[in-house]
Amino acid sequence: MKRITVSLCSGKTGYEVNTSTNIDLLAACRDIEAKVKTRHIVILEFGGAEISLYPSGRMLVKKVKSEAEALDAAKLLLERLSVRVDWD
């Protein structure tokens, strides 16, 4: 079982969410609007949060007020991208 972690990023400007799930960014993000969309990073506004998504499944989630909000934004984004992650 993969462990999902959420922690305050070192710059204290957002939260780091690690899903331990590899993601093909270009395939996953074909149908979403993004500020930046490459195979190395996707940066987008989603549900009021700004999310930087990496192929390793790591995310930086900004414009949220708590770890719980960051985790909720990450879950909703992965559901929207049809990326399957075991959250429990």
Protein backbone atom coordinates (compact mmCIF):
# COMPACT_ATOMS: atom_id res chain seq x y z
CA MET A 1 0.00 0.00 0.00
CA LYS A 2 1.29 3.46 -0.92
CA ARG A 3 1.52 6.07 1.77
CA ILE A 4 0.24 9.57 1.06
CA THR A 5 2.04 12.36 2.90
CA VAL A 6 1.26 16.04 3.26
CA SER A 7 3.67 18.56 4.75
CA LEU A 8 4.29 22.28 4.81
CA CYS A 9 6.81 23.09 2.06
CA SER A 10 10.16 24.50 3.12
CA GLY A 11 9.28 28.00 1.90
CA LYS A 12 6.03 27.87 3.90
CA THR A 13 4.13 29.09 0.84
CA GLY A 14 2.19 25.87 0.26
CA TYR A 15 1.96 22.18 1.02
CA GLU A 16 3.79 19.26 -0.51
CA VAL A 17 1.63 16.23 -1.25
CA ASN A 18 3.43 12.98 -2.12
CA THR A 19 1.29 10.24 -3.64
CA SER A 20 4.07 7.80 -4.64
CA THR A 21 2.16 7.20 -7.88
CA ASN A 22 3.90 7.81 -11.20
CA ILE A 23 1.84 9.94 -13.59
CA ASP A 24 2.20 10.43 -17.33
CA LEU A 25 1.49 14.14 -17.20
CA LEU A 26 0.81 14.70 -20.88
CA ALA A 27 -1.63 11.80 -21.04
CA ALA A 28 -3.35 12.69 -17.77
CA CYS A 29 -3.71 16.37 -18.61
CA ARG A 30 -5.01 16.27 -22.17
CA ASP A 31 -8.39 17.74 -21.24
CA ILE A 32 -7.53 20.39 -18.66
CA GLU A 33 -6.44 23.99 -18.87
CA ALA A 34 -2.99 24.58 -17.42
CA LYS A 35 -0.59 27.49 -17.16
CA VAL A 36 2.27 25.10 -17.97
CA LYS A 37 1.87 21.61 -19.40
CA THR A 38 4.99 19.52 -20.16
CA ARG A 39 6.09 15.96 -19.46
CA HIS A 40 8.13 17.31 -16.52
CA ILE A 41 5.60 19.57 -14.77
CA VAL A 42 2.02 20.75 -14.98
CA ILE A 43 1.02 23.97 -13.24
CA LEU A 44 -2.66 24.82 -13.00
CA GLU A 45 -5.36 26.57 -11.03
CA PHE A 46 -7.77 23.98 -9.67
CA GLY A 47 -10.59 24.49 -7.20
CA GLY A 48 -9.08 27.76 -6.01
CA ALA A 49 -5.66 26.19 -5.42
CA GLU A 50 -2.54 26.53 -7.52
CA ILE A 51 -1.05 23.08 -8.07
CA SER A 52 2.31 22.07 -9.50
CA LEU A 53 2.17 18.39 -10.46
CA TYR A 54 5.24 16.24 -11.18
CA PRO A 55 5.57 12.82 -12.87
CA SER A 56 6.50 11.20 -9.54
CA GLY A 57 3.04 12.09 -8.22
CA ARG A 58 4.47 14.85 -6.04
CA MET A 59 2.44 18.06 -5.89
CA LEU A 60 3.01 21.52 -4.51
CA VAL A 61 -0.34 22.96 -3.51
CA LYS A 62 -0.56 26.72 -2.90
CA LYS A 63 -3.38 29.15 -2.07
CA VAL A 64 -4.83 26.79 0.55
CA LYS A 65 -5.10 27.36 4.29
CA SER A 66 -4.38 23.91 5.72
CA GLU A 67 -2.98 20.43 5.11
CA ALA A 68 -6.53 19.11 4.88
CA GLU A 69 -7.40 21.63 2.15
CA ALA A 70 -4.20 20.72 0.25
CA LEU A 71 -5.04 17.02 0.45
CA ASP A 72 -8.62 17.62 -0.70
CA ALA A 73 -7.39 19.64 -3.70
CA ALA A 74 -4.88 16.91 -4.59
CA LYS A 75 -7.55 14.19 -4.37
CA LEU A 76 -10.00 16.14 -6.51
CA LEU A 77 -7.35 16.86 -9.15
CA LEU A 78 -6.28 13.23 -9.39
CA GLU A 79 -9.92 12.12 -9.66
CA ARG A 80 -10.45 14.69 -12.45
CA LEU A 81 -7.35 13.37 -14.25
CA SER A 82 -8.55 9.78 -13.76
CA VAL A 83 -5.36 8.90 -11.89
CA ARG A 84 -5.98 6.03 -9.51
CA VAL A 85 -4.39 6.42 -6.07
CA ASP A 86 -5.06 4.32 -2.96
CA TRP A 87 -5.63 7.01 -0.32
CA ASP A 88 -6.06 4.63 2.63
